[in-house]
């Protein structure tokens, strides 16, 4: 795995999403209430719409506002419709920094 620094951990907030552009990839870090931060590809699997610019998050549920697709913020699993999932990148915390591996998808 080739982890690289994404940001300082203090730049992320529980119950929030934080968008990033890294090496030409849109990444959306989602930190669900009571959970751990997760890094998802920043586009909806439906028509590849940007989640960085077109999403709402209530601390649990991520909604693509373009066509109303709904995802579990803890797992990336599709809730509406089912049978889909957001692509996820490995994420880790080290010495107050958030690191991501864009070369691998969990």
C-alpha atoms as a PDB file:
ATOM      1  CA  UNK A   1       0.000   0.000   0.000  1.00  0.00           C
ATOM      2  CA  UNK A   2       1.142   3.519  -0.785  1.00  0.00           C
ATOM      3  CA  UNK A   3      -0.355   5.843   1.801  1.00  0.00           C
ATOM      4  CA  UNK A   4      -0.017   9.586   1.314  1.00  0.00           C
ATOM      5  CA  UNK A   5      -1.019  12.499   3.506  1.00  0.00           C
ATOM      6  CA  UNK A   6      -4.526  13.820   2.893  1.00  0.00           C
ATOM      7  CA  UNK A   7      -4.899  16.423   5.681  1.00  0.00           C
ATOM      8  CA  UNK A   8      -4.537  17.078   9.390  1.00  0.00           C
ATOM      9  CA  UNK A   9      -6.971  15.089  11.514  1.00  0.00           C
ATOM     10  CA  UNK A  10      -8.283  18.295  13.102  1.00  0.00           C
ATOM     11  CA  UNK A  11      -9.603  19.353   9.666  1.00  0.00           C
ATOM     12  CA  UNK A  12     -12.232  16.596   9.803  1.00  0.00           C
ATOM     13  CA  UNK A  13     -15.405  16.828  11.862  1.00  0.00           C
ATOM     14  CA  UNK A  14     -17.636  14.068  13.169  1.00  0.00           C
ATOM     15  CA  UNK A  15     -21.007  14.134  11.450  1.00  0.00           C
ATOM     16  CA  UNK A  16     -19.580  15.956   8.439  1.00  0.00           C
ATOM     17  CA  UNK A  17     -18.189  15.320   4.975  1.00  0.00           C
ATOM     18  CA  UNK A  18     -14.969  16.855   3.728  1.00  0.00           C
ATOM     19  CA  UNK A  19     -14.124  16.947   0.008  1.00  0.00           C
ATOM     20  CA  UNK A  20     -10.639  16.608  -1.451  1.00  0.00           C
ATOM     21  CA  UNK A  21      -9.021  16.563  -4.870  1.00  0.00           C
ATOM     22  CA  UNK A  22      -5.907  14.408  -4.788  1.00  0.00           C
ATOM     23  CA  UNK A  23      -3.885  13.290  -7.803  1.00  0.00           C
ATOM     24  CA  UNK A  24      -6.847  14.007 -10.066  1.00  0.00           C
ATOM     25  CA  UNK A  25      -9.265  11.985  -7.898  1.00  0.00           C
ATOM     26  CA  UNK A  26     -12.303  13.454  -6.162  1.00  0.00           C
ATOM     27  CA  UNK A  27     -12.427  11.995  -2.657  1.00  0.00           C
ATOM     28  CA  UNK A  28     -15.167  12.501  -0.097  1.00  0.00           C
ATOM     29  CA  UNK A  29     -14.242  11.789   3.523  1.00  0.00           C
ATOM     30  CA  UNK A  30     -17.370  10.930   5.487  1.00  0.00           C
ATOM     31  CA  UNK A  31     -17.267  10.846   9.290  1.00  0.00           C
ATOM     32  CA  UNK A  32     -20.520   9.308  10.521  1.00  0.00           C
ATOM     33  CA  UNK A  33     -21.816  10.156  13.989  1.00  0.00           C
ATOM     34  CA  UNK A  34     -20.295   7.716  16.489  1.00  0.00           C
ATOM     35  CA  UNK A  35     -18.143   6.069  13.808  1.00  0.00           C
ATOM     36  CA  UNK A  36     -14.793   6.399  12.131  1.00  0.00           C
ATOM     37  CA  UNK A  37     -13.887   8.531   9.102  1.00  0.00           C
ATOM     38  CA  UNK A  38     -14.199   6.731   5.769  1.00  0.00           C
ATOM     39  CA  UNK A  39     -12.865   7.823   2.368  1.00  0.00           C
ATOM     40  CA  UNK A  40     -15.089   7.234  -0.637  1.00  0.00           C
ATOM     41  CA  UNK A  41     -14.633   7.997  -4.297  1.00  0.00           C
ATOM     42  CA  UNK A  42     -16.282  11.374  -4.765  1.00  0.00           C
ATOM     43  CA  UNK A  43     -18.740  10.287  -7.422  1.00  0.00           C
ATOM     44  CA  UNK A  44     -22.056   8.500  -7.322  1.00  0.00           C
ATOM     45  CA  UNK A  45     -22.077   5.125  -9.101  1.00  0.00           C
ATOM     46  CA  UNK A  46     -25.198   6.311 -10.929  1.00  0.00           C
ATOM     47  CA  UNK A  47     -24.105   8.373 -13.927  1.00  0.00           C
ATOM     48  CA  UNK A  48     -20.843   9.330 -12.136  1.00  0.00           C
ATOM     49  CA  UNK A  49     -22.252  12.556 -10.676  1.00  0.00           C
ATOM     50  CA  UNK A  50     -19.933  14.410  -8.278  1.00  0.00           C
ATOM     51  CA  UNK A  51     -20.738  13.795  -4.608  1.00  0.00           C
ATOM     52  CA  UNK A  52     -18.280  16.538  -3.704  1.00  0.00           C
ATOM     53  CA  UNK A  53     -20.637  19.112  -5.206  1.00  0.00           C
ATOM     54  CA  UNK A  54     -23.976  17.280  -5.103  1.00  0.00           C
ATOM     55  CA  UNK A  55     -24.577  15.586  -1.758  1.00  0.00           C
ATOM     56  CA  UNK A  56     -26.179  16.029   1.640  1.00  0.00           C
ATOM     57  CA  UNK A  57     -25.093  14.237   4.810  1.00  0.00           C
ATOM     58  CA  UNK A  58     -27.025  14.123   8.077  1.00  0.00           C
ATOM     59  CA  UNK A  59     -24.395  12.309  10.148  1.00  0.00           C
ATOM     60  CA  UNK A  60     -25.626   8.863   9.077  1.00  0.00           C
ATOM     61  CA  UNK A  61     -26.970   8.972   5.547  1.00  0.00           C
ATOM     62  CA  UNK A  62     -25.328  10.401   2.408  1.00  0.00           C
ATOM     63  CA  UNK A  63     -27.703  11.478  -0.375  1.00  0.00           C
ATOM     64  CA  UNK A  64     -26.696  12.218  -3.953  1.00  0.00           C
ATOM     65  CA  UNK A  65     -28.847  15.267  -4.637  1.00  0.00           C
ATOM     66  CA  UNK A  66     -28.785  14.819  -8.425  1.00  0.00           C
ATOM     67  CA  UNK A  67     -31.014  11.724  -8.612  1.00  0.00           C
ATOM     68  CA  UNK A  68     -31.737  10.925  -4.952  1.00  0.00           C
ATOM     69  CA  UNK A  69     -29.544   7.860  -4.492  1.00  0.00           C
ATOM     70  CA  UNK A  70     -28.977   7.158  -0.766  1.00  0.00           C
ATOM     71  CA  UNK A  71     -25.945   5.564   0.923  1.00  0.00           C
ATOM     72  CA  UNK A  72     -25.039   4.443   4.448  1.00  0.00           C
ATOM     73  CA  UNK A  73     -22.253   6.797   5.590  1.00  0.00           C
ATOM     74  CA  UNK A  74     -20.675   4.061   7.732  1.00  0.00           C
ATOM     75  CA  UNK A  75     -20.274   1.491   4.945  1.00  0.00           C
ATOM     76  CA  UNK A  76     -20.969   3.141   1.593  1.00  0.00           C
ATOM     77  CA  UNK A  77     -23.693   0.549   0.957  1.00  0.00           C
ATOM     78  CA  UNK A  78     -26.570   1.670  -1.213  1.00  0.00           C
ATOM     79  CA  UNK A  79     -29.848   2.026   0.673  1.00  0.00           C
ATOM     80  CA  UNK A  80     -31.882   3.367  -2.220  1.00  0.00           C
ATOM     81  CA  UNK A  81     -31.423   1.584  -4.492  1.00  0.00           C
ATOM     82  CA  UNK A  82     -29.897  -1.455  -2.860  1.00  0.00           C
ATOM     83  CA  UNK A  83     -27.249  -3.523  -4.605  1.00  0.00           C
ATOM     84  CA  UNK A  84     -24.811  -0.657  -5.177  1.00  0.00           C
ATOM     85  CA  UNK A  85     -21.917   0.651  -3.119  1.00  0.00           C
ATOM     86  CA  UNK A  86     -19.569   3.610  -3.082  1.00  0.00           C
ATOM     87  CA  UNK A  87     -15.942   2.745  -3.882  1.00  0.00           C
ATOM     88  CA  UNK A  88     -13.831   3.146  -0.748  1.00  0.00           C
ATOM     89  CA  UNK A  89     -10.163   3.979  -0.278  1.00  0.00           C
ATOM     90  CA  UNK A  90      -8.128   2.757   2.718  1.00  0.00           C
ATOM     91  CA  UNK A  91      -7.760   5.529   5.294  1.00  0.00           C
ATOM     92  CA  UNK A  92      -5.658   5.702   8.461  1.00  0.00           C
ATOM     93  CA  UNK A  93      -4.684   8.188  11.163  1.00  0.00           C
ATOM     94  CA  UNK A  94      -1.010   8.586  12.031  1.00  0.00           C
ATOM     95  CA  UNK A  95       0.530  11.248  14.296  1.00  0.00           C
ATOM     96  CA  UNK A  96      -2.417  13.615  13.888  1.00  0.00           C
ATOM     97  CA  UNK A  97      -2.453  13.270  10.108  1.00  0.00           C
ATOM     98  CA  UNK A  98      -5.005  11.551   7.873  1.00  0.00           C
ATOM     99  CA  UNK A  99      -3.456   9.287   5.247  1.00  0.00           C
ATOM    100  CA  UNK A 100      -5.102   7.669   2.228  1.00  0.00           C
ATOM    101  CA  UNK A 101      -4.103   4.986  -0.238  1.00  0.00           C
ATOM    102  CA  UNK A 102      -5.457   5.860  -3.682  1.00  0.00           C
ATOM    103  CA  UNK A 103      -3.831   2.803  -5.258  1.00  0.00           C
ATOM    104  CA  UNK A 104      -6.136   0.385  -3.442  1.00  0.00           C
ATOM    105  CA  UNK A 105      -9.847   0.255  -2.935  1.00  0.00           C
ATOM    106  CA  UNK A 106     -11.206  -1.511   0.119  1.00  0.00           C
END
